[in-house]
PDB file of N, CA and C in Angstrom:
ATOM      1  N   MET A   1     120.088 154.608 205.876  1.00  0.00           N
ATOM      2  CA  MET A   1     119.094 155.633 205.698  1.00  0.00           C
ATOM      3  C   MET A   1     119.624 156.619 204.662  1.00  0.00           C
ATOM      4  N   ASN A   2     118.762 156.990 203.724  1.00  0.00           N
ATOM      5  CA  ASN A   2     119.226 157.894 202.676  1.00  0.00           C
ATOM      6  C   ASN A   2     119.315 159.332 203.174  1.00  0.00           C
ATOM      7  N   THR A   3     119.934 160.162 202.371  1.00  0.00           N
ATOM      8  CA  THR A   3     120.238 161.531 202.784  1.00  0.00           C
ATOM      9  C   THR A   3     118.982 162.367 202.997  1.00  0.00           C
ATOM     10  N   SER A   4     117.981 162.190 202.141  1.00  0.00           N
ATOM     11  CA  SER A   4     116.773 163.010 202.292  1.00  0.00           C
ATOM     12  C   SER A   4     116.007 162.649 203.565  1.00  0.00           C
ATOM     13  N   ALA A   5     115.983 161.370 203.913  1.00  0.00           N
ATOM     14  CA  ALA A   5     115.305 160.970 205.152  1.00  0.00           C
ATOM     15  C   ALA A   5     116.057 161.486 206.369  1.00  0.00           C
ATOM     16  N   ARG A   6     117.382 161.454 206.308  1.00  0.00           N
ATOM     17  CA  ARG A   6     118.182 161.981 207.421  1.00  0.00           C
ATOM     18  C   ARG A   6     117.956 163.482 207.573  1.00  0.00           C
ATOM     19  N   GLY A   7     117.901 164.184 206.456  1.00  0.00           N
ATOM     20  CA  GLY A   7     117.648 165.625 206.511  1.00  0.00           C
ATOM     21  C   GLY A   7     116.273 165.942 207.067  1.00  0.00           C
ATOM     22  N   ALA A   8     115.291 165.121 206.702  1.00  0.00           N
ATOM     23  CA  ALA A   8     113.931 165.335 207.206  1.00  0.00           C
ATOM     24  C   ALA A   8     113.868 165.137 208.715  1.00  0.00           C
ATOM     25  N   LEU A   9     114.589 164.141 209.211  1.00  0.00           N
ATOM     26  CA  LEU A   9     114.603 163.918 210.659  1.00  0.00           C
ATOM     27  C   LEU A   9     115.268 165.082 211.388  1.00  0.00           C
ATOM     28  N   GLY A  10     116.332 165.609 210.806  1.00  0.00           N
ATOM     29  CA  GLY A  10     116.991 166.769 211.405  1.00  0.00           C
ATOM     30  C   GLY A  10     116.077 167.979 211.448  1.00  0.00           C
ATOM     31  N   TRP A  11     115.373 168.225 210.338  1.00  0.00           N
ATOM     32  CA  TRP A  11     114.437 169.353 210.307  1.00  0.00           C
ATOM     33  C   TRP A  11     113.298 169.157 211.296  1.00  0.00           C
ATOM     34  N   LEU A  12     112.816 167.938 211.396  1.00  0.00           N
ATOM     35  CA  LEU A  12     111.733 167.661 212.341  1.00  0.00           C
ATOM     36  C   LEU A  12     112.174 167.939 213.776  1.00  0.00           C
ATOM     37  N   GLY A  13     113.407 167.573 214.095  1.00  0.00           N
ATOM     38  CA  GLY A  13     113.933 167.867 215.425  1.00  0.00           C
ATOM     39  C   GLY A  13     114.013 169.359 215.696  1.00  0.00           C
ATOM     40  N   LEU A  14     114.445 170.124 214.690  1.00  0.00           N
ATOM     41  CA  LEU A  14     114.518 171.579 214.866  1.00  0.00           C
ATOM     42  C   LEU A  14     113.131 172.193 215.010  1.00  0.00           C
ATOM     43  N   VAL A  15     112.182 171.717 214.224  1.00  0.00           N
ATOM     44  CA  VAL A  15     110.819 172.253 214.299  1.00  0.00           C
ATOM     45  C   VAL A  15     110.185 171.933 215.649  1.00  0.00           C
ATOM     46  N   CYS A  16     110.471 170.768 216.189  1.00  0.00           N
ATOM     47  CA  CYS A  16     109.895 170.377 217.485  1.00  0.00           C
ATOM     48  C   CYS A  16     110.479 171.162 218.654  1.00  0.00           C
ATOM     49  N   LEU A  17     111.574 171.853 218.443  1.00  0.00           N
ATOM     50  CA  LEU A  17     112.120 172.688 219.511  1.00  0.00           C
ATOM     51  C   LEU A  17     111.297 173.965 219.717  1.00  0.00           C
ATOM     52  N   VAL A  18     110.565 174.399 218.695  1.00  0.00           N
ATOM     53  CA  VAL A  18     109.808 175.658 218.798  1.00  0.00           C
ATOM     54  C   VAL A  18     108.707 175.572 219.858  1.00  0.00           C
ATOM     55  N   PRO A  19     107.837 174.541 219.847  1.00  0.00           N
ATOM     56  CA  PRO A  19     106.833 174.480 220.918  1.00  0.00           C
ATOM     57  C   PRO A  19     107.441 174.292 222.301  1.00  0.00           C
ATOM     58  N   LEU A  20     108.621 173.707 222.346  1.00  0.00           N
ATOM     59  CA  LEU A  20     109.296 173.542 223.633  1.00  0.00           C
ATOM     60  C   LEU A  20     109.659 174.900 224.227  1.00  0.00           C
ATOM     61  N   LEU A  21     110.063 175.836 223.377  1.00  0.00           N
ATOM     62  CA  LEU A  21     110.351 177.191 223.863  1.00  0.00           C
ATOM     63  C   LEU A  21     109.092 177.815 224.454  1.00  0.00           C
ATOM     64  N   PHE A  22     107.951 177.586 223.816  1.00  0.00           N
ATOM     65  CA  PHE A  22     106.691 178.107 224.345  1.00  0.00           C
ATOM     66  C   PHE A  22     106.420 177.555 225.744  1.00  0.00           C
ATOM     67  N   LEU A  23     106.605 176.251 225.924  1.00  0.00           N
ATOM     68  CA  LEU A  23     106.403 175.653 227.251  1.00  0.00           C
ATOM     69  C   LEU A  23     107.355 176.251 228.276  1.00  0.00           C
ATOM     70  N   TYR A  24     108.596 176.448 227.874  1.00  0.00           N
ATOM     71  CA  TYR A  24     109.582 177.001 228.796  1.00  0.00           C
ATOM     72  C   TYR A  24     109.204 178.420 229.214  1.00  0.00           C
ATOM     73  N   VAL A  25     108.726 179.220 228.278  1.00  0.00           N
ATOM     74  CA  VAL A  25     108.412 180.621 228.596  1.00  0.00           C
ATOM     75  C   VAL A  25     107.150 180.726 229.446  1.00  0.00           C
ATOM     76  N   VAL A  26     106.118 179.961 229.124  1.00  0.00           N
ATOM     77  CA  VAL A  26     104.883 180.057 229.907  1.00  0.00           C
ATOM     78  C   VAL A  26     104.995 179.370 231.256  1.00  0.00           C
ATOM     79  N   SER A  27     106.115 178.748 231.535  1.00  0.00           N
ATOM     80  CA  SER A  27     106.331 178.177 232.863  1.00  0.00           C
ATOM     81  C   SER A  27     106.420 179.262 233.922  1.00  0.00           C
ATOM     82  N   GLY A  28     106.535 180.499 233.496  1.00  0.00           N
ATOM     83  CA  GLY A  28     106.540 181.615 234.429  1.00  0.00           C
ATOM     84  C   GLY A  28     105.244 181.733 235.212  1.00  0.00           C
ATOM     85  N   LEU A  29     104.203 181.040 234.778  1.00  0.00           N
ATOM     86  CA  LEU A  29     102.952 181.044 235.529  1.00  0.00           C
ATOM     87  C   LEU A  29     103.064 180.247 236.824  1.00  0.00           C
ATOM     88  N   VAL A  30     103.975 179.283 236.874  1.00  0.00           N
ATOM     89  CA  VAL A  30     104.117 178.453 238.072  1.00  0.00           C
ATOM     90  C   VAL A  30     105.520 178.488 238.660  1.00  0.00           C
ATOM     91  N   ALA A  31     106.481 178.952 237.910  1.00  0.00           N
ATOM     92  CA  ALA A  31     107.876 178.931 238.361  1.00  0.00           C
ATOM     93  C   ALA A  31     108.381 180.362 238.541  1.00  0.00           C
ATOM     94  N   PRO A  32     109.365 180.564 239.402  1.00  0.00           N
ATOM     95  CA  PRO A  32     109.938 181.902 239.568  1.00  0.00           C
ATOM     96  C   PRO A  32     110.753 182.313 238.337  1.00  0.00           C
ATOM     97  N   TRP A  33     111.081 183.595 238.296  1.00  0.00           N
ATOM     98  CA  TRP A  33     111.765 184.146 237.117  1.00  0.00           C
ATOM     99  C   TRP A  33     113.098 183.474 236.857  1.00  0.00           C
ATOM    100  N   TRP A  34     113.815 183.115 237.907  1.00  0.00           N
ATOM    101  CA  TRP A  34     115.134 182.518 237.705  1.00  0.00           C
ATOM    102  C   TRP A  34     115.028 181.120 237.101  1.00  0.00           C
ATOM    103  N   ALA A  35     113.944 180.414 237.393  1.00  0.00           N
ATOM    104  CA  ALA A  35     113.746 179.099 236.780  1.00  0.00           C
ATOM    105  C   ALA A  35     113.406 179.248 235.297  1.00  0.00           C
ATOM    106  N   VAL A  36     112.592 180.245 234.974  1.00  0.00           N
ATOM    107  CA  VAL A  36     112.256 180.490 233.571  1.00  0.00           C
ATOM    108  C   VAL A  36     113.493 180.925 232.798  1.00  0.00           C
ATOM    109  N   ALA A  37     114.321 181.757 233.412  1.00  0.00           N
ATOM    110  CA  ALA A  37     115.562 182.173 232.754  1.00  0.00           C
ATOM    111  C   ALA A  37     116.474 180.973 232.510  1.00  0.00           C
ATOM    112  N   SER A  38     116.528 180.062 233.462  1.00  0.00           N
ATOM    113  CA  SER A  38     117.359 178.867 233.254  1.00  0.00           C
ATOM    114  C   SER A  38     116.747 177.956 232.193  1.00  0.00           C
ATOM    115  N   PHE A  39     115.417 177.908 232.103  1.00  0.00           N
ATOM    116  CA  PHE A  39     114.778 177.151 231.025  1.00  0.00           C
ATOM    117  C   PHE A  39     115.175 177.708 229.660  1.00  0.00           C
ATOM    118  N   VAL A  40     115.184 179.021 229.541  1.00  0.00           N
ATOM    119  CA  VAL A  40     115.544 179.641 228.260  1.00  0.00           C
ATOM    120  C   VAL A  40     117.005 179.368 227.923  1.00  0.00           C
ATOM    121  N   VAL A  41     117.872 179.384 228.918  1.00  0.00           N
ATOM    122  CA  VAL A  41     119.285 179.055 228.682  1.00  0.00           C
ATOM    123  C   VAL A  41     119.416 177.603 228.229  1.00  0.00           C
ATOM    124  N   VAL A  42     118.691 176.703 228.873  1.00  0.00           N
ATOM    125  CA  VAL A  42     118.723 175.292 228.474  1.00  0.00           C
ATOM    126  C   VAL A  42     118.197 175.140 227.053  1.00  0.00           C
ATOM    127  N   TRP A  43     117.138 175.879 226.698  1.00  0.00           N
ATOM    128  CA  TRP A  43     116.606 175.798 225.342  1.00  0.00           C
ATOM    129  C   TRP A  43     117.632 176.281 224.320  1.00  0.00           C
ATOM    130  N   CYS A  44     118.344 177.338 224.642  1.00  0.00           N
ATOM    131  CA  CYS A  44     119.392 177.823 223.731  1.00  0.00           C
ATOM    132  C   CYS A  44     120.486 176.773 223.556  1.00  0.00           C
ATOM    133  N   LEU A  45     120.840 176.093 224.627  1.00  0.00           N
ATOM    134  CA  LEU A  45     121.832 175.019 224.523  1.00  0.00           C
ATOM    135  C   LEU A  45     121.300 173.855 223.686  1.00  0.00           C
ATOM    136  N   LEU A  46     120.040 173.504 223.872  1.00  0.00           N
ATOM    137  CA  LEU A  46     119.444 172.445 223.056  1.00  0.00           C
ATOM    138  C   LEU A  46     119.429 172.833 221.582  1.00  0.00           C
ATOM    139  N   LEU A  47     119.115 174.089 221.298  1.00  0.00           N
ATOM    140  CA  LEU A  47     119.116 174.561 219.913  1.00  0.00           C
ATOM    141  C   LEU A  47     120.515 174.510 219.328  1.00  0.00           C
ATOM    142  N   LEU A  48     121.495 174.923 220.090  1.00  0.00           N
ATOM    143  CA  LEU A  48     122.878 174.886 219.616  1.00  0.00           C
ATOM    144  C   LEU A  48     123.321 173.450 219.326  1.00  0.00           C
ATOM    145  N   ILE A  49     123.003 172.530 220.211  1.00  0.00           N
ATOM    146  CA  ILE A  49     123.359 171.124 219.994  1.00  0.00           C
ATOM    147  C   ILE A  49     122.618 170.570 218.775  1.00  0.00           C
ATOM    148  N   ALA A  50     121.347 170.933 218.623  1.00  0.00           N
ATOM    149  CA  ALA A  50     120.571 170.449 217.476  1.00  0.00           C
ATOM    150  C   ALA A  50     121.136 170.986 216.166  1.00  0.00           C
ATOM    151  N   LEU A  51     121.529 172.244 216.154  1.00  0.00           N
ATOM    152  CA  LEU A  51     122.101 172.807 214.929  1.00  0.00           C
ATOM    153  C   LEU A  51     123.439 172.170 214.592  1.00  0.00           C
ATOM    154  N   ARG A  52     124.229 171.870 215.602  1.00  0.00           N
ATOM    155  CA  ARG A  52     125.531 171.246 215.359  1.00  0.00           C
ATOM    156  C   ARG A  52     125.390 169.786 214.917  1.00  0.00           C
ATOM    157  N   SER A  53     124.367 169.095 215.392  1.00  0.00           N
ATOM    158  CA  SER A  53     124.194 167.683 215.049  1.00  0.00           C
ATOM    159  C   SER A  53     123.178 167.480 213.927  1.00  0.00           C
ATOM    160  N   PHE A  54     122.733 168.554 213.317  1.00  0.00           N
ATOM    161  CA  PHE A  54     121.688 168.524 212.300  1.00  0.00           C
ATOM    162  C   PHE A  54     122.043 167.607 211.129  1.00  0.00           C
ATOM    163  N   ARG A  55     123.249 167.691 210.622  1.00  0.00           N
ATOM    164  CA  ARG A  55     123.653 166.911 209.445  1.00  0.00           C
ATOM    165  C   ARG A  55     124.218 165.538 209.803  1.00  0.00           C
ATOM    166  N   ARG A  56     125.073 165.496 210.792  1.00  0.00           N
ATOM    167  CA  ARG A  56     125.771 164.241 211.088  1.00  0.00           C
ATOM    168  C   ARG A  56     124.946 163.271 211.910  1.00  0.00           C
ATOM    169  N   ARG A  57     124.188 163.792 212.862  1.00  0.00           N
ATOM    170  CA  ARG A  57     123.399 162.928 213.756  1.00  0.00           C
ATOM    171  C   ARG A  57     121.962 163.438 213.840  1.00  0.00           C
ATOM    172  N   PRO A  58     121.173 163.225 212.798  1.00  0.00           N
ATOM    173  CA  PRO A  58     119.805 163.761 212.818  1.00  0.00           C
ATOM    174  C   PRO A  58     118.920 163.117 213.881  1.00  0.00           C
ATOM    175  N   LEU A  59     119.222 161.883 214.272  1.00  0.00           N
ATOM    176  CA  LEU A  59     118.423 161.267 215.336  1.00  0.00           C
ATOM    177  C   LEU A  59     118.642 161.963 216.670  1.00  0.00           C
ATOM    178  N   LEU A  60     119.838 162.472 216.890  1.00  0.00           N
ATOM    179  CA  LEU A  60     120.089 163.253 218.102  1.00  0.00           C
ATOM    180  C   LEU A  60     119.292 164.550 218.059  1.00  0.00           C
ATOM    181  N   ALA A  61     119.270 165.193 216.898  1.00  0.00           N
ATOM    182  CA  ALA A  61     118.480 166.419 216.755  1.00  0.00           C
ATOM    183  C   ALA A  61     116.998 166.134 216.984  1.00  0.00           C
ATOM    184  N   LEU A  62     116.552 164.953 216.592  1.00  0.00           N
ATOM    185  CA  LEU A  62     115.159 164.576 216.805  1.00  0.00           C
ATOM    186  C   LEU A  62     114.881 164.236 218.266  1.00  0.00           C
ATOM    187  N   ALA A  63     115.857 163.704 218.971  1.00  0.00           N
ATOM    188  CA  ALA A  63     115.669 163.314 220.374  1.00  0.00           C
ATOM    189  C   ALA A  63     115.733 164.504 221.326  1.00  0.00           C
ATOM    190  N   LEU A  64     116.383 165.578 220.937  1.00  0.00           N
ATOM    191  CA  LEU A  64     116.572 166.714 221.849  1.00  0.00           C
ATOM    192  C   LEU A  64     115.265 167.351 222.327  1.00  0.00           C
ATOM    193  N   PRO A  65     114.247 167.537 221.478  1.00  0.00           N
ATOM    194  CA  PRO A  65     112.991 168.087 222.020  1.00  0.00           C
ATOM    195  C   PRO A  65     112.361 167.194 223.082  1.00  0.00           C
ATOM    196  N   PHE A  66     112.481 165.890 222.922  1.00  0.00           N
ATOM    197  CA  PHE A  66     111.915 164.978 223.920  1.00  0.00           C
ATOM    198  C   PHE A  66     112.710 165.022 225.221  1.00  0.00           C
ATOM    199  N   LEU A  67     114.017 165.137 225.104  1.00  0.00           N
ATOM    200  CA  LEU A  67     114.837 165.304 226.307  1.00  0.00           C
ATOM    201  C   LEU A  67     114.510 166.621 227.005  1.00  0.00           C
ATOM    202  N   GLY A  68     114.287 167.668 226.220  1.00  0.00           N
ATOM    203  CA  GLY A  68     113.905 168.957 226.792  1.00  0.00           C
ATOM    204  C   GLY A  68     112.550 168.902 227.473  1.00  0.00           C
ATOM    205  N   LEU A  69     111.634 168.129 226.917  1.00  0.00           N
ATOM    206  CA  LEU A  69     110.317 167.979 227.530  1.00  0.00           C
ATOM    207  C   LEU A  69     110.414 167.235 228.857  1.00  0.00           C
ATOM    208  N   VAL A  70     111.226 166.196 228.898  1.00  0.00           N
ATOM    209  CA  VAL A  70     111.436 165.459 230.149  1.00  0.00           C
ATOM    210  C   VAL A  70     112.081 166.364 231.190  1.00  0.00           C
ATOM    211  N   TRP A  71     113.056 167.178 230.784  1.00  0.00           N
ATOM    212  CA  TRP A  71     113.725 168.119 231.689  1.00  0.00           C
ATOM    213  C   TRP A  71     112.713 169.123 232.249  1.00  0.00           C
ATOM    214  N   TRP A  72     111.858 169.668 231.387  1.00  0.00           N
ATOM    215  CA  TRP A  72     110.851 170.646 231.798  1.00  0.00           C
ATOM    216  C   TRP A  72     109.913 170.034 232.838  1.00  0.00           C
ATOM    217  N   TYR A  73     109.419 168.832 232.550  1.00  0.00           N
ATOM    218  CA  TYR A  73     108.503 168.178 233.479  1.00  0.00           C
ATOM    219  C   TYR A  73     109.185 167.877 234.809  1.00  0.00           C
ATOM    220  N   ALA A  74     110.418 167.398 234.764  1.00  0.00           N
ATOM    221  CA  ALA A  74     111.138 167.046 235.992  1.00  0.00           C
ATOM    222  C   ALA A  74     111.393 168.276 236.858  1.00  0.00           C
ATOM    223  N   VAL A  75     111.779 169.380 236.247  1.00  0.00           N
ATOM    224  CA  VAL A  75     112.050 170.600 237.024  1.00  0.00           C
ATOM    225  C   VAL A  75     110.766 171.140 237.633  1.00  0.00           C
ATOM    226  N   LEU A  76     109.680 171.159 236.865  1.00  0.00           N
ATOM    227  CA  LEU A  76     108.420 171.660 237.422  1.00  0.00           C
ATOM    228  C   LEU A  76     107.879 170.730 238.505  1.00  0.00           C
ATOM    229  N   TRP A  77     108.038 169.434 238.337  1.00  0.00           N
ATOM    230  CA  TRP A  77     107.619 168.503 239.384  1.00  0.00           C
ATOM    231  C   TRP A  77     108.439 168.725 240.656  1.00  0.00           C
ATOM    232  N   PHE A  78     109.757 168.845 240.505  1.00  0.00           N
ATOM    233  CA  PHE A  78     110.623 169.083 241.656  1.00  0.00           C
ATOM    234  C   PHE A  78     110.246 170.396 242.348  1.00  0.00           C
ATOM    235  N   GLY A  79     109.993 171.436 241.569  1.00  0.00           N
ATOM    236  CA  GLY A  79     109.604 172.715 242.146  1.00  0.00           C
ATOM    237  C   GLY A  79     108.274 172.644 242.869  1.00  0.00           C
ATOM    238  N   ASP A  80     107.352 171.872 242.336  1.00  0.00           N
ATOM    239  CA  ASP A  80     106.051 171.738 242.981  1.00  0.00           C
ATOM    240  C   ASP A  80     106.162 170.948 244.282  1.00  0.00           C
ATOM    241  N   VAL A  81     106.865 169.855 244.257  1.00  0.00           N
ATOM    242  CA  VAL A  81     106.928 168.972 245.423  1.00  0.00           C
ATOM    243  C   VAL A  81     107.830 169.532 246.516  1.00  0.00           C
ATOM    244  N   PHE A  82     108.996 170.015 246.148  1.00  0.00           N
ATOM    245  CA  PHE A  82     109.988 170.390 247.156  1.00  0.00           C
ATOM    246  C   PHE A  82     110.119 171.895 247.397  1.00  0.00           C
ATOM    247  N   LEU A  83     109.759 172.717 246.420  1.00  0.00           N
ATOM    248  CA  LEU A  83     109.937 174.163 246.569  1.00  0.00           C
ATOM    249  C   LEU A  83     108.617 174.923 246.660  1.00  0.00           C
ATOM    250  N   ASN A  84     107.500 174.193 246.641  1.00  0.00           N
ATOM    251  CA  ASN A  84     106.156 174.776 246.785  1.00  0.00           C
ATOM    252  C   ASN A  84     105.819 175.805 245.715  1.00  0.00           C
ATOM    253  N   TRP A  85     106.200 175.522 244.471  1.00  0.00           N
ATOM    254  CA  TRP A  85     105.785 176.389 243.373  1.00  0.00           C
ATOM    255  C   TRP A  85     104.324 176.094 243.075  1.00  0.00           C
ATOM    256  N   THR A  86     103.518 177.129 242.983  1.00  0.00           N
ATOM    257  CA  THR A  86     102.106 176.956 242.651  1.00  0.00           C
ATOM    258  C   THR A  86     101.701 178.016 241.650  1.00  0.00           C
ATOM    259  N   ALA A  87     100.585 177.768 240.998  1.00  0.00           N
ATOM    260  CA  ALA A  87     100.082 178.719 240.006  1.00  0.00           C
ATOM    261  C   ALA A  87      99.363 179.861 240.689  1.00  0.00           C
TER     262      ALA A  87
END
């Protein structure tokens, strides 16, 4: 893969993290404050990993938003089923 395509994939991964932050923040409608705070901490960690892997591993930077989306869904599902989180 050439350098410009690798760079584009890295940028795409970083751009896809932005809507993920929106999902994490608006989760406060169904989740308690401590869960939203932990979502924001996880998002900061995902951003840090994406920035560090931006040049060397752009596919990892591209995969991180999808991993974050799976994490968000799993935590909200667990909270709904086992902790009775409701809107």
